[in-house]
């Protein structure tokens, strides 16, 4: 959208100026965006990080809303995926694929998959049957194109379960089993200890980039 300070006939209208560009990132600080793109400091004001859930197709957001949920309800979970570390991805891989002959007595992936389908059925009964498909599609955007790997797929699995847990808790008042199922699906994210870290601190010391990129 071109910037309009007055009518096109007033002389203040410039078709070549994009207001959205001028008020975002480096341009808002008076720095050329092309030059700012070469900075080595991640998450600096001139090179802000935009999380994957801000690149969604708007119809997906509308479909989520039609099914009784707002995107903001899942953002805390999505932020943990944004900040995932490579070491955490390795722990997730171990939970899902290694030592399956002697599984964790508290949690195992086979039971989690069974519970996933129980939650899917419950959401369908309560009119939110499209939510699992929408959540899987949204989380898949965390690893676009060539960034996908076996560790990325593992992270997608457990964070999809964590997002499903959030959806299940919304209907726990209608079926008490959903509260237990939600805790079971959310267990891997809690057990591994995913946390959200401060991007301002990283910008100050020139730390590593996005956890999702590192995990890939």
C-alpha atoms as a PDB file:
ATOM      1  CA  UNK A   1       0.000   0.000   0.000  1.00  0.00           C
ATOM      2  CA  UNK A   2       1.412   3.360  -0.992  1.00  0.00           C
ATOM      3  CA  UNK A   3       1.811   6.025   1.649  1.00  0.00           C
ATOM      4  CA  UNK A   4      -0.932   8.629   1.588  1.00  0.00           C
ATOM      5  CA  UNK A   5      -0.563  11.829   3.583  1.00  0.00           C
ATOM      6  CA  UNK A   6      -3.222  13.530   1.517  1.00  0.00           C
ATOM      7  CA  UNK A   7      -5.166  13.063  -1.661  1.00  0.00           C
ATOM      8  CA  UNK A   8      -3.374  12.012  -4.852  1.00  0.00           C
ATOM      9  CA  UNK A   9      -3.870  15.556  -6.142  1.00  0.00           C
ATOM     10  CA  UNK A  10      -2.218  17.205  -3.126  1.00  0.00           C
ATOM     11  CA  UNK A  11       1.352  16.297  -4.075  1.00  0.00           C
ATOM     12  CA  UNK A  12       1.963  14.236  -0.896  1.00  0.00           C
ATOM     13  CA  UNK A  13       1.175  10.929  -2.573  1.00  0.00           C
ATOM     14  CA  UNK A  14       4.101   8.752  -3.731  1.00  0.00           C
ATOM     15  CA  UNK A  15       3.234   5.542  -5.540  1.00  0.00           C
ATOM     16  CA  UNK A  16       6.799   4.228  -5.127  1.00  0.00           C
ATOM     17  CA  UNK A  17       6.796   4.359  -1.316  1.00  0.00           C
ATOM     18  CA  UNK A  18       5.534   1.295   0.544  1.00  0.00           C
ATOM     19  CA  UNK A  19       4.353   2.225   4.019  1.00  0.00           C
ATOM     20  CA  UNK A  20       4.609  -1.346   5.280  1.00  0.00           C
ATOM     21  CA  UNK A  21       8.291  -1.531   4.325  1.00  0.00           C
ATOM     22  CA  UNK A  22       9.087   1.900   5.710  1.00  0.00           C
ATOM     23  CA  UNK A  23       7.697   1.016   9.136  1.00  0.00           C
ATOM     24  CA  UNK A  24       9.210  -2.438   9.659  1.00  0.00           C
ATOM     25  CA  UNK A  25      12.695  -3.614  10.534  1.00  0.00           C
ATOM     26  CA  UNK A  26      15.755  -1.757   9.286  1.00  0.00           C
ATOM     27  CA  UNK A  27      13.840   0.802   7.252  1.00  0.00           C
ATOM     28  CA  UNK A  28      12.057   2.005  10.382  1.00  0.00           C
ATOM     29  CA  UNK A  29      15.482   2.878  11.828  1.00  0.00           C
ATOM     30  CA  UNK A  30      16.605   4.718   8.734  1.00  0.00           C
ATOM     31  CA  UNK A  31      18.941   1.910   7.622  1.00  0.00           C
ATOM     32  CA  UNK A  32      18.937   0.477   4.132  1.00  0.00           C
ATOM     33  CA  UNK A  33      17.261  -2.974   4.342  1.00  0.00           C
ATOM     34  CA  UNK A  34      19.680  -4.504   1.817  1.00  0.00           C
ATOM     35  CA  UNK A  35      22.710  -3.434   3.852  1.00  0.00           C
ATOM     36  CA  UNK A  36      21.055  -4.551   7.085  1.00  0.00           C
ATOM     37  CA  UNK A  37      20.520  -8.032   5.649  1.00  0.00           C
ATOM     38  CA  UNK A  38      24.292  -8.580   5.704  1.00  0.00           C
ATOM     39  CA  UNK A  39      24.652  -7.952   9.447  1.00  0.00           C
ATOM     40  CA  UNK A  40      26.135 -10.839  11.428  1.00  0.00           C
ATOM     41  CA  UNK A  41      24.115 -10.021  14.549  1.00  0.00           C
ATOM     42  CA  UNK A  42      20.949 -12.119  14.689  1.00  0.00           C
ATOM     43  CA  UNK A  43      17.727 -10.644  16.050  1.00  0.00           C
ATOM     44  CA  UNK A  44      19.099  -7.101  16.023  1.00  0.00           C
ATOM     45  CA  UNK A  45      16.514  -4.330  15.538  1.00  0.00           C
ATOM     46  CA  UNK A  46      17.635  -3.975  11.941  1.00  0.00           C
ATOM     47  CA  UNK A  47      17.178  -7.689  11.344  1.00  0.00           C
ATOM     48  CA  UNK A  48      14.193  -8.800  13.418  1.00  0.00           C
ATOM     49  CA  UNK A  49      13.190 -12.427  13.713  1.00  0.00           C
ATOM     50  CA  UNK A  50       9.706 -13.267  12.466  1.00  0.00           C
ATOM     51  CA  UNK A  51       8.335 -16.545  13.892  1.00  0.00           C
ATOM     52  CA  UNK A  52       6.977 -19.183  11.541  1.00  0.00           C
ATOM     53  CA  UNK A  53       3.379 -18.770  12.717  1.00  0.00           C
ATOM     54  CA  UNK A  54       3.344 -15.242  11.273  1.00  0.00           C
ATOM     55  CA  UNK A  55       3.679 -16.657   7.740  1.00  0.00           C
ATOM     56  CA  UNK A  56       0.367 -18.496   7.666  1.00  0.00           C
ATOM     57  CA  UNK A  57      -2.312 -18.443   5.020  1.00  0.00           C
ATOM     58  CA  UNK A  58      -5.134 -16.341   6.410  1.00  0.00           C
ATOM     59  CA  UNK A  59      -7.776 -18.937   5.472  1.00  0.00           C
ATOM     60  CA  UNK A  60      -6.063 -21.338   7.918  1.00  0.00           C
ATOM     61  CA  UNK A  61      -6.503 -18.781  10.706  1.00  0.00           C
ATOM     62  CA  UNK A  62     -10.145 -18.342   9.752  1.00  0.00           C
ATOM     63  CA  UNK A  63     -10.698 -22.110   9.662  1.00  0.00           C
ATOM     64  CA  UNK A  64      -9.099 -22.413  13.108  1.00  0.00           C
ATOM     65  CA  UNK A  65     -11.455 -19.708  14.366  1.00  0.00           C
ATOM     66  CA  UNK A  66     -14.440 -21.449  12.759  1.00  0.00           C
ATOM     67  CA  UNK A  67     -13.505 -24.539  14.770  1.00  0.00           C
ATOM     68  CA  UNK A  68     -13.549 -22.605  18.029  1.00  0.00           C
ATOM     69  CA  UNK A  69      -9.880 -21.674  18.467  1.00  0.00           C
ATOM     70  CA  UNK A  70      -7.729 -18.598  18.033  1.00  0.00           C
ATOM     71  CA  UNK A  71      -4.107 -18.791  16.893  1.00  0.00           C
ATOM     72  CA  UNK A  72      -3.024 -16.953  20.062  1.00  0.00           C
ATOM     73  CA  UNK A  73      -4.054 -19.963  22.169  1.00  0.00           C
ATOM     74  CA  UNK A  74      -1.205 -22.000  20.647  1.00  0.00           C
ATOM     75  CA  UNK A  75       1.498 -19.322  20.409  1.00  0.00           C
ATOM     76  CA  UNK A  76       3.174 -20.231  23.753  1.00  0.00           C
ATOM     77  CA  UNK A  77       3.657 -23.766  22.412  1.00  0.00           C
ATOM     78  CA  UNK A  78       4.814 -22.531  19.004  1.00  0.00           C
ATOM     79  CA  UNK A  79       7.347 -20.216  20.673  1.00  0.00           C
ATOM     80  CA  UNK A  80       8.946 -23.212  22.392  1.00  0.00           C
ATOM     81  CA  UNK A  81       9.368 -24.852  18.989  1.00  0.00           C
ATOM     82  CA  UNK A  82      10.888 -21.626  17.634  1.00  0.00           C
ATOM     83  CA  UNK A  83      13.541 -21.751  20.353  1.00  0.00           C
ATOM     84  CA  UNK A  84      14.274 -25.493  20.251  1.00  0.00           C
ATOM     85  CA  UNK A  85      17.958 -26.460  20.449  1.00  0.00           C
ATOM     86  CA  UNK A  86      19.837 -29.180  18.626  1.00  0.00           C
ATOM     87  CA  UNK A  87      20.589 -30.992  21.899  1.00  0.00           C
ATOM     88  CA  UNK A  88      16.883 -31.012  22.724  1.00  0.00           C
ATOM     89  CA  UNK A  89      16.050 -32.398  19.289  1.00  0.00           C
ATOM     90  CA  UNK A  90      18.475 -35.276  19.973  1.00  0.00           C
ATOM     91  CA  UNK A  91      16.705 -36.034  23.255  1.00  0.00           C
ATOM     92  CA  UNK A  92      13.372 -36.051  21.443  1.00  0.00           C
ATOM     93  CA  UNK A  93      14.763 -38.460  18.840  1.00  0.00           C
ATOM     94  CA  UNK A  94      15.900 -40.768  21.642  1.00  0.00           C
ATOM     95  CA  UNK A  95      12.450 -40.669  23.259  1.00  0.00           C
ATOM     96  CA  UNK A  96      10.681 -41.524  20.009  1.00  0.00           C
ATOM     97  CA  UNK A  97      12.991 -44.075  18.430  1.00  0.00           C
ATOM     98  CA  UNK A  98      15.675 -45.445  20.775  1.00  0.00           C
ATOM     99  CA  UNK A  99      15.316 -48.003  23.561  1.00  0.00           C
ATOM    100  CA  UNK A 100      11.846 -48.924  22.367  1.00  0.00           C
ATOM    101  CA  UNK A 101      12.413 -52.457  23.692  1.00  0.00           C
ATOM    102  CA  UNK A 102      12.600 -50.965  27.210  1.00  0.00           C
ATOM    103  CA  UNK A 103      10.283 -47.961  27.060  1.00  0.00           C
ATOM    104  CA  UNK A 104       9.846 -45.232  29.631  1.00  0.00           C
ATOM    105  CA  UNK A 105       7.358 -46.554  32.242  1.00  0.00           C
ATOM    106  CA  UNK A 106       5.708 -43.091  32.366  1.00  0.00           C
ATOM    107  CA  UNK A 107       5.432 -42.387  28.634  1.00  0.00           C
ATOM    108  CA  UNK A 108       5.944 -44.166  25.329  1.00  0.00           C
ATOM    109  CA  UNK A 109       5.329 -42.999  21.749  1.00  0.00           C
ATOM    110  CA  UNK A 110       3.021 -45.888  20.821  1.00  0.00           C
ATOM    111  CA  UNK A 111       0.590 -44.964  23.578  1.00  0.00           C
ATOM    112  CA  UNK A 112       0.869 -41.280  22.605  1.00  0.00           C
ATOM    113  CA  UNK A 113      -0.216 -42.127  19.051  1.00  0.00           C
ATOM    114  CA  UNK A 114      -3.191 -44.063  20.390  1.00  0.00           C
ATOM    115  CA  UNK A 115      -4.196 -41.116  22.571  1.00  0.00           C
ATOM    116  CA  UNK A 116      -3.775 -38.754  19.615  1.00  0.00           C
ATOM    117  CA  UNK A 117      -6.572 -40.598  17.802  1.00  0.00           C
ATOM    118  CA  UNK A 118      -8.732 -40.544  20.935  1.00  0.00           C
ATOM    119  CA  UNK A 119      -8.332 -36.752  21.074  1.00  0.00           C
ATOM    120  CA  UNK A 120      -9.020 -36.453  17.340  1.00  0.00           C
ATOM    121  CA  UNK A 121     -12.280 -38.351  17.815  1.00  0.00           C
ATOM    122  CA  UNK A 122     -13.247 -36.148  20.767  1.00  0.00           C
ATOM    123  CA  UNK A 123     -12.557 -32.945  18.847  1.00  0.00           C
ATOM    124  CA  UNK A 124     -14.669 -34.251  15.994  1.00  0.00           C
ATOM    125  CA  UNK A 125     -17.549 -34.951  18.383  1.00  0.00           C
ATOM    126  CA  UNK A 126     -17.394 -31.410  19.734  1.00  0.00           C
ATOM    127  CA  UNK A 127     -17.334 -29.712  16.337  1.00  0.00           C
ATOM    128  CA  UNK A 128     -13.582 -29.039  16.059  1.00  0.00           C
ATOM    129  CA  UNK A 129     -12.645 -31.913  13.781  1.00  0.00           C
ATOM    130  CA  UNK A 130     -10.497 -29.781  11.466  1.00  0.00           C
ATOM    131  CA  UNK A 131      -8.200 -28.570  14.262  1.00  0.00           C
ATOM    132  CA  UNK A 132      -5.649 -31.469  14.092  1.00  0.00           C
ATOM    133  CA  UNK A 133      -5.149 -30.993  10.338  1.00  0.00           C
ATOM    134  CA  UNK A 134      -4.783 -27.226  10.744  1.00  0.00           C
ATOM    135  CA  UNK A 135      -2.304 -27.562  13.617  1.00  0.00           C
ATOM    136  CA  UNK A 136      -0.177 -30.055  11.681  1.00  0.00           C
ATOM    137  CA  UNK A 137      -0.132 -27.720   8.689  1.00  0.00           C
ATOM    138  CA  UNK A 138       0.819 -24.696  10.813  1.00  0.00           C
ATOM    139  CA  UNK A 139       3.613 -26.487  12.696  1.00  0.00           C
ATOM    140  CA  UNK A 140       5.005 -27.855   9.434  1.00  0.00           C
ATOM    141  CA  UNK A 141       5.771 -24.280   8.401  1.00  0.00           C
ATOM    142  CA  UNK A 142       8.491 -24.152  11.071  1.00  0.00           C
ATOM    143  CA  UNK A 143      10.727 -26.149   8.712  1.00  0.00           C
ATOM    144  CA  UNK A 144      10.246 -24.882   5.167  1.00  0.00           C
ATOM    145  CA  UNK A 145      11.794 -26.407   2.067  1.00  0.00           C
ATOM    146  CA  UNK A 146      15.245 -27.919   2.455  1.00  0.00           C
ATOM    147  CA  UNK A 147      15.404 -27.367   6.234  1.00  0.00           C
ATOM    148  CA  UNK A 148      13.459 -30.556   6.991  1.00  0.00           C
ATOM    149  CA  UNK A 149      15.351 -33.509   8.502  1.00  0.00           C
ATOM    150  CA  UNK A 150      14.660 -36.538  10.680  1.00  0.00           C
ATOM    151  CA  UNK A 151      15.149 -34.383  13.782  1.00  0.00           C
ATOM    152  CA  UNK A 152      12.755 -31.788  12.397  1.00  0.00           C
ATOM    153  CA  UNK A 153      10.117 -34.465  11.854  1.00  0.00           C
ATOM    154  CA  UNK A 154      10.523 -35.610  15.459  1.00  0.00           C
ATOM    155  CA  UNK A 155      10.069 -32.056  16.720  1.00  0.00           C
ATOM    156  CA  UNK A 156       6.973 -31.642  14.553  1.00  0.00           C
ATOM    157  CA  UNK A 157       5.516 -34.804  16.112  1.00  0.00           C
ATOM    158  CA  UNK A 158       5.914 -33.812  19.754  1.00  0.00           C
ATOM    159  CA  UNK A 159       4.890 -30.188  19.271  1.00  0.00           C
ATOM    160  CA  UNK A 160       1.851 -31.311  17.324  1.00  0.00           C
ATOM    161  CA  UNK A 161       0.960 -33.466  20.339  1.00  0.00           C
ATOM    162  CA  UNK A 162       1.559 -30.496  22.647  1.00  0.00           C
ATOM    163  CA  UNK A 163      -0.740 -28.316  20.540  1.00  0.00           C
ATOM    164  CA  UNK A 164      -3.330 -31.099  20.508  1.00  0.00           C
ATOM    165  CA  UNK A 165      -3.068 -31.141  24.296  1.00  0.00           C
ATOM    166  CA  UNK A 166      -3.997 -27.451  24.397  1.00  0.00           C
ATOM    167  CA  UNK A 167      -7.014 -28.164  22.216  1.00  0.00           C
ATOM    168  CA  UNK A 168      -8.034 -31.125  24.393  1.00  0.00           C
ATOM    169  CA  UNK A 169      -7.913 -29.069  27.596  1.00  0.00           C
ATOM    170  CA  UNK A 170     -10.516 -26.711  26.180  1.00  0.00           C
ATOM    171  CA  UNK A 171     -13.053 -29.551  26.203  1.00  0.00           C
ATOM    172  CA  UNK A 172     -11.915 -31.261  29.411  1.00  0.00           C
ATOM    173  CA  UNK A 173     -15.037 -29.997  31.173  1.00  0.00           C
ATOM    174  CA  UNK A 174     -17.103 -32.131  28.818  1.00  0.00           C
ATOM    175  CA  UNK A 175     -14.995 -35.284  29.120  1.00  0.00           C
ATOM    176  CA  UNK A 176     -12.658 -35.733  32.107  1.00  0.00           C
ATOM    177  CA  UNK A 177     -10.473 -38.151  30.152  1.00  0.00           C
ATOM    178  CA  UNK A 178      -9.297 -35.278  27.957  1.00  0.00           C
ATOM    179  CA  UNK A 179      -7.388 -33.722  30.874  1.00  0.00           C
ATOM    180  CA  UNK A 180      -5.371 -36.930  31.331  1.00  0.00           C
ATOM    181  CA  UNK A 181      -4.867 -37.332  27.589  1.00  0.00           C
ATOM    182  CA  UNK A 182      -3.682 -33.729  27.328  1.00  0.00           C
ATOM    183  CA  UNK A 183      -1.065 -34.267  30.037  1.00  0.00           C
ATOM    184  CA  UNK A 184       0.140 -37.418  28.295  1.00  0.00           C
ATOM    185  CA  UNK A 185       0.501 -35.744  24.902  1.00  0.00           C
ATOM    186  CA  UNK A 186       2.279 -32.728  26.407  1.00  0.00           C
ATOM    187  CA  UNK A 187       4.751 -34.858  28.391  1.00  0.00           C
ATOM    188  CA  UNK A 188       7.665 -34.901  25.866  1.00  0.00           C
ATOM    189  CA  UNK A 189       7.835 -31.097  25.595  1.00  0.00           C
ATOM    190  CA  UNK A 190       7.804 -30.761  29.388  1.00  0.00           C
ATOM    191  CA  UNK A 191      10.231 -33.625  30.001  1.00  0.00           C
ATOM    192  CA  UNK A 192      12.838 -32.334  27.554  1.00  0.00           C
ATOM    193  CA  UNK A 193      12.601 -28.872  29.100  1.00  0.00           C
ATOM    194  CA  UNK A 194      11.934 -26.610  26.135  1.00  0.00           C
ATOM    195  CA  UNK A 195      12.002 -22.953  27.159  1.00  0.00           C
ATOM    196  CA  UNK A 196      11.523 -19.593  25.518  1.00  0.00           C
ATOM    197  CA  UNK A 197      14.671 -17.444  25.583  1.00  0.00           C
ATOM    198  CA  UNK A 198      15.174 -13.721  25.274  1.00  0.00           C
ATOM    199  CA  UNK A 199      15.969 -12.532  21.774  1.00  0.00           C
ATOM    200  CA  UNK A 200      17.143  -9.216  23.167  1.00  0.00           C
ATOM    201  CA  UNK A 201      19.878 -10.999  25.105  1.00  0.00           C
ATOM    202  CA  UNK A 202      20.936 -12.937  22.015  1.00  0.00           C
ATOM    203  CA  UNK A 203      21.104  -9.733  19.980  1.00  0.00           C
ATOM    204  CA  UNK A 204      23.374  -8.251  22.615  1.00  0.00           C
ATOM    205  CA  UNK A 205      25.989 -11.021  22.546  1.00  0.00           C
ATOM    206  CA  UNK A 206      25.647 -12.207  18.940  1.00  0.00           C
ATOM    207  CA  UNK A 207      24.384 -15.664  19.932  1.00  0.00           C
ATOM    208  CA  UNK A 208      23.120 -18.474  17.726  1.00  0.00           C
ATOM    209  CA  UNK A 209      20.168 -18.327  15.374  1.00  0.00           C
ATOM    210  CA  UNK A 210      16.735 -19.839  15.588  1.00  0.00           C
ATOM    211  CA  UNK A 211      16.407 -23.154  17.331  1.00  0.00           C
ATOM    212  CA  UNK A 212      14.270 -24.555  14.540  1.00  0.00           C
ATOM    213  CA  UNK A 213      17.000 -23.824  12.028  1.00  0.00           C
ATOM    214  CA  UNK A 214      19.622 -25.345  14.342  1.00  0.00           C
ATOM    215  CA  UNK A 215      17.573 -28.484  14.861  1.00  0.00           C
ATOM    216  CA  UNK A 216      17.275 -28.970  11.120  1.00  0.00           C
END
